[in-house]
C-alpha atoms as a PDB file:
ATOM      1  CA  MET A   1     -99.113  34.744  -5.712  1.00  0.00           C
ATOM      2  CA  ARG A   2     -98.492  34.115  -9.370  1.00  0.00           C
ATOM      3  CA  LEU A   3     -99.836  36.205 -12.222  1.00  0.00           C
ATOM      4  CA  THR A   4    -101.185  34.639 -15.370  1.00  0.00           C
ATOM      5  CA  LYS A   5     -99.125  34.875 -18.553  1.00  0.00           C
ATOM      6  CA  PHE A   6    -101.933  37.017 -19.965  1.00  0.00           C
ATOM      7  CA  THR A   7    -101.520  39.639 -17.215  1.00  0.00           C
ATOM      8  CA  ASP A   8     -97.742  39.589 -17.610  1.00  0.00           C
ATOM      9  CA  LEU A   9     -98.069  40.137 -21.354  1.00  0.00           C
ATOM     10  CA  ALA A  10    -100.610  42.938 -20.912  1.00  0.00           C
ATOM     11  CA  LEU A  11     -98.358  44.722 -18.412  1.00  0.00           C
ATOM     12  CA  ARG A  12     -95.335  44.404 -20.705  1.00  0.00           C
ATOM     13  CA  SER A  13     -97.412  45.789 -23.588  1.00  0.00           C
ATOM     14  CA  VAL A  14     -98.513  48.777 -21.512  1.00  0.00           C
ATOM     15  CA  MET A  15     -94.927  49.384 -20.454  1.00  0.00           C
ATOM     16  CA  ARG A  16     -93.802  49.328 -24.090  1.00  0.00           C
ATOM     17  CA  LEU A  17     -96.433  51.901 -25.035  1.00  0.00           C
ATOM     18  CA  ALA A  18     -95.515  54.062 -22.037  1.00  0.00           C
ATOM     19  CA  VAL A  19     -92.009  54.732 -23.357  1.00  0.00           C
ATOM     20  CA  LEU A  20     -93.146  56.193 -26.674  1.00  0.00           C
ATOM     21  CA  GLY A  21     -91.922  59.730 -27.215  1.00  0.00           C
ATOM     22  CA  GLU A  22     -93.863  62.665 -28.628  1.00  0.00           C
ATOM     23  CA  GLY A  23     -92.612  62.229 -32.193  1.00  0.00           C
ATOM     24  CA  ASP A  24     -92.653  58.431 -32.238  1.00  0.00           C
ATOM     25  CA  ASP A  25     -95.021  56.652 -34.583  1.00  0.00           C
ATOM     26  CA  PRO A  26     -97.565  54.602 -32.632  1.00  0.00           C
ATOM     27  CA  PRO A  27     -96.697  50.919 -33.060  1.00  0.00           C
ATOM     28  CA  ALA A  28     -99.052  48.298 -34.414  1.00  0.00           C
ATOM     29  CA  THR A  29     -99.962  45.289 -32.296  1.00  0.00           C
ATOM     30  CA  ARG A  30     -97.541  43.165 -34.326  1.00  0.00           C
ATOM     31  CA  GLU A  31     -94.663  45.508 -33.426  1.00  0.00           C
ATOM     32  CA  VAL A  32     -95.552  45.410 -29.729  1.00  0.00           C
ATOM     33  CA  ALA A  33     -95.669  41.597 -29.895  1.00  0.00           C
ATOM     34  CA  GLU A  34     -92.185  41.525 -31.429  1.00  0.00           C
ATOM     35  CA  VAL A  35     -90.735  43.873 -28.817  1.00  0.00           C
ATOM     36  CA  VAL A  36     -92.163  41.984 -25.836  1.00  0.00           C
ATOM     37  CA  GLY A  37     -91.331  38.636 -27.435  1.00  0.00           C
ATOM     38  CA  VAL A  38     -94.731  36.958 -27.747  1.00  0.00           C
ATOM     39  CA  PRO A  39     -96.890  35.621 -30.581  1.00  0.00           C
ATOM     40  CA  TYR A  40     -99.038  38.204 -32.349  1.00  0.00           C
ATOM     41  CA  THR A  41    -102.295  36.413 -31.441  1.00  0.00           C
ATOM     42  CA  HIS A  42    -101.475  36.580 -27.720  1.00  0.00           C
ATOM     43  CA  ALA A  43    -100.593  40.258 -27.934  1.00  0.00           C
ATOM     44  CA  ALA A  44    -103.779  41.005 -29.890  1.00  0.00           C
ATOM     45  CA  LYS A  45    -105.896  39.407 -27.165  1.00  0.00           C
ATOM     46  CA  ALA A  46    -104.142  41.421 -24.444  1.00  0.00           C
ATOM     47  CA  ILE A  47    -104.420  44.672 -26.423  1.00  0.00           C
ATOM     48  CA  THR A  48    -108.146  44.046 -26.940  1.00  0.00           C
ATOM     49  CA  ARG A  49    -108.629  43.661 -23.182  1.00  0.00           C
ATOM     50  CA  LEU A  50    -106.578  46.792 -22.501  1.00  0.00           C
ATOM     51  CA  ARG A  51    -108.732  48.703 -25.007  1.00  0.00           C
ATOM     52  CA  HIS A  52    -111.892  47.571 -23.203  1.00  0.00           C
ATOM     53  CA  LEU A  53    -110.405  48.816 -19.932  1.00  0.00           C
ATOM     54  CA  GLY A  54    -109.725  52.213 -21.528  1.00  0.00           C
ATOM     55  CA  VAL A  55    -105.964  51.905 -21.039  1.00  0.00           C
ATOM     56  CA  VAL A  56    -105.008  51.655 -24.720  1.00  0.00           C
ATOM     57  CA  GLU A  57    -106.388  53.398 -27.785  1.00  0.00           C
ATOM     58  CA  ALA A  58    -106.090  51.739 -31.194  1.00  0.00           C
ATOM     59  CA  ARG A  59    -106.444  53.539 -34.495  1.00  0.00           C
ATOM     60  CA  ARG A  60    -106.624  51.792 -37.846  1.00  0.00           C
ATOM     61  CA  GLY A  61    -105.166  52.779 -41.177  1.00  0.00           C
ATOM     62  CA  ARG A  62    -102.472  55.214 -42.180  1.00  0.00           C
ATOM     63  CA  GLY A  63    -101.226  57.081 -39.142  1.00  0.00           C
ATOM     64  CA  GLY A  64    -102.848  54.491 -36.900  1.00  0.00           C
ATOM     65  CA  GLY A  65    -101.373  52.360 -34.178  1.00  0.00           C
ATOM     66  CA  LEU A  66    -101.535  51.909 -30.447  1.00  0.00           C
ATOM     67  CA  THR A  67    -101.227  54.627 -27.835  1.00  0.00           C
ATOM     68  CA  LEU A  68    -101.584  54.677 -24.100  1.00  0.00           C
ATOM     69  CA  THR A  69    -104.529  56.762 -22.883  1.00  0.00           C
ATOM     70  CA  ASP A  70    -104.326  59.226 -20.001  1.00  0.00           C
ATOM     71  CA  LEU A  71    -105.932  56.557 -17.830  1.00  0.00           C
ATOM     72  CA  GLY A  72    -103.247  54.123 -18.954  1.00  0.00           C
ATOM     73  CA  ARG A  73    -100.482  56.511 -17.910  1.00  0.00           C
ATOM     74  CA  ARG A  74    -101.854  57.264 -14.466  1.00  0.00           C
ATOM     75  CA  ALA A  75    -103.513  53.935 -13.660  1.00  0.00           C
ATOM     76  CA  SER A  76    -102.513  52.121 -10.528  1.00  0.00           C
ATOM     77  CA  VAL A  77    -100.698  48.895 -11.311  1.00  0.00           C
ATOM     78  CA  GLY A  78    -102.745  47.263  -8.522  1.00  0.00           C
ATOM     79  CA  TRP A  79    -105.989  48.289 -10.238  1.00  0.00           C
ATOM     80  CA  LEU A  80    -104.744  47.095 -13.608  1.00  0.00           C
ATOM     81  CA  VAL A  81    -103.645  43.698 -12.251  1.00  0.00           C
ATOM     82  CA  ARG A  82    -106.985  43.268 -10.445  1.00  0.00           C
ATOM     83  CA  GLU A  83    -108.839  44.007 -13.687  1.00  0.00           C
ATOM     84  CA  LEU A  84    -106.683  41.650 -15.728  1.00  0.00           C
ATOM     85  CA  GLU A  85    -106.665  38.805 -13.203  1.00  0.00           C
ATOM     86  CA  GLY A  86    -110.343  39.015 -12.252  1.00  0.00           C
ATOM     87  CA  ASP A  87    -111.928  38.256  -8.911  1.00  0.00           C
ATOM     88  CA  GLY A  88    -110.932  34.605  -8.751  1.00  0.00           C
ATOM     89  CA  GLU A  89    -109.982  32.909  -5.535  1.00  0.00           C
ATOM     90  CA  VAL A  90    -106.390  31.850  -4.893  1.00  0.00           C
ATOM     91  CA  VAL A  91    -107.647  28.315  -4.296  1.00  0.00           C
ATOM     92  CA  SER A  92    -110.785  26.629  -5.522  1.00  0.00           C
ATOM     93  CA  CYS A  93    -112.764  24.987  -2.742  1.00  0.00           C
ATOM     94  CA  GLU A  94    -115.605  23.936  -5.008  1.00  0.00           C
ATOM     95  CA  GLY A  95    -115.660  21.917  -8.185  1.00  0.00           C
ATOM     96  CA  GLU A  96    -115.874  18.248  -9.022  1.00  0.00           C
ATOM     97  CA  THR A  97    -114.353  17.225  -5.691  1.00  0.00           C
ATOM     98  CA  PRO A  98    -115.191  19.995  -3.203  1.00  0.00           C
ATOM     99  CA  CYS A  99    -112.870  20.460  -0.260  1.00  0.00           C
ATOM    100  CA  PRO A 100    -114.330  18.806   2.852  1.00  0.00           C
ATOM    101  CA  LEU A 101    -113.103  21.747   4.969  1.00  0.00           C
ATOM    102  CA  ARG A 102    -114.871  24.464   2.971  1.00  0.00           C
ATOM    103  CA  GLY A 103    -117.488  25.089   5.658  1.00  0.00           C
ATOM    104  CA  ALA A 104    -114.949  25.645   8.438  1.00  0.00           C
ATOM    105  CA  CYS A 105    -111.708  26.527   6.671  1.00  0.00           C
ATOM    106  CA  ARG A 106    -109.498  29.374   7.833  1.00  0.00           C
ATOM    107  CA  LEU A 107    -106.994  28.931   4.990  1.00  0.00           C
ATOM    108  CA  ARG A 108    -109.295  30.345   2.311  1.00  0.00           C
ATOM    109  CA  GLY A 109    -109.739  33.623   4.201  1.00  0.00           C
ATOM    110  CA  ALA A 110    -106.026  33.901   4.930  1.00  0.00           C
ATOM    111  CA  LEU A 111    -105.199  33.363   1.257  1.00  0.00           C
ATOM    112  CA  ARG A 112    -107.785  35.963   0.222  1.00  0.00           C
ATOM    113  CA  ASP A 113    -106.187  38.452   2.648  1.00  0.00           C
ATOM    114  CA  ALA A 114    -102.727  37.655   1.253  1.00  0.00           C
ATOM    115  CA  GLN A 115    -103.998  38.170  -2.286  1.00  0.00           C
ATOM    116  CA  GLU A 116    -105.405  41.572  -1.366  1.00  0.00           C
ATOM    117  CA  ALA A 117    -102.110  42.504   0.344  1.00  0.00           C
ATOM    118  CA  PHE A 118    -100.318  41.585  -2.891  1.00  0.00           C
ATOM    119  CA  TYR A 119    -102.595  43.896  -4.898  1.00  0.00           C
ATOM    120  CA  ALA A 120    -102.365  46.624  -2.256  1.00  0.00           C
ATOM    121  CA  ALA A 121     -98.563  46.582  -2.573  1.00  0.00           C
ATOM    122  CA  LEU A 122     -99.006  47.378  -6.287  1.00  0.00           C
ATOM    123  CA  ASP A 123    -101.611  50.120  -5.735  1.00  0.00           C
ATOM    124  CA  PRO A 124     -99.136  53.008  -5.219  1.00  0.00           C
ATOM    125  CA  LEU A 125     -97.262  52.159  -8.434  1.00  0.00           C
ATOM    126  CA  THR A 126     -98.264  53.664 -11.767  1.00  0.00           C
ATOM    127  CA  VAL A 127     -97.289  52.625 -15.269  1.00  0.00           C
ATOM    128  CA  ALA A 128     -94.921  55.609 -15.309  1.00  0.00           C
ATOM    129  CA  ASP A 129     -93.171  54.153 -12.244  1.00  0.00           C
ATOM    130  CA  LEU A 130     -92.705  50.844 -14.057  1.00  0.00           C
ATOM    131  CA  VAL A 131     -90.883  52.452 -16.981  1.00  0.00           C
ATOM    132  CA  ALA A 132     -88.577  54.695 -14.969  1.00  0.00           C
ATOM    133  CA  SER A 133     -84.867  54.072 -15.444  1.00  0.00           C
ATOM    134  CA  PRO A 134     -83.423  51.491 -15.951  1.00  0.00           C
ATOM    135  CA  THR A 135     -86.507  49.814 -17.486  1.00  0.00           C
ATOM    136  CA  GLY A 136     -87.537  52.562 -19.918  1.00  0.00           C
ATOM    137  CA  PRO A 137     -84.201  52.784 -21.729  1.00  0.00           C
ATOM    138  CA  VAL A 138     -84.111  48.985 -22.059  1.00  0.00           C
ATOM    139  CA  LEU A 139     -87.586  49.004 -23.626  1.00  0.00           C
ATOM    140  CA  ILE A 140     -86.549  51.749 -26.036  1.00  0.00           C
ATOM    141  CA  GLY A 141     -83.446  49.744 -26.951  1.00  0.00           C
ATOM    142  CA  LEU A 142     -85.567  46.681 -27.663  1.00  0.00           C
ATOM    143  CA  SER A 143     -87.782  48.750 -29.946  1.00  0.00           C
ATOM    144  CA  ASP A 144     -84.778  50.096 -31.830  1.00  0.00           C
ATOM    145  CA  ARG A 145     -83.498  46.571 -32.476  1.00  0.00           C
ATOM    146  CA  THR A 146     -86.811  45.295 -33.847  1.00  0.00           C
ATOM    147  CA  SER A 147     -87.258  48.234 -36.219  1.00  0.00           C
ATOM    148  CA  ALA A 148     -83.715  48.059 -37.623  1.00  0.00           C
END
């Protein structure tokens, strides 16, 4: 199973926000993009999706920035990946040239089961688990370098 670049970017953005301390200023989308090493426009799209999911809160103006919501902190990584990836099939049996086996294929069901097993393996993990040591300190170090 391979995640889209969009999902990878969204997860990295959530992880960055998860390591913010109590006194830290909430970063802007541009700062998150710099820390996770992606173009601003890509980060903005991911942050917008995360806001719609209720995982990230964004405030404008002085004192504004991005923060992780309570849902974002306790969300299952499996749930988050499902939401970001959508309900798409692993393989497409339809389309311009439909697969001739689609009416009697066992592969499609096996791949769907494997996809669900992949998500199920992520279900017990939370965002907090993802930023436990050694990841959290590395993310904080990246932030320190971009703000210097």
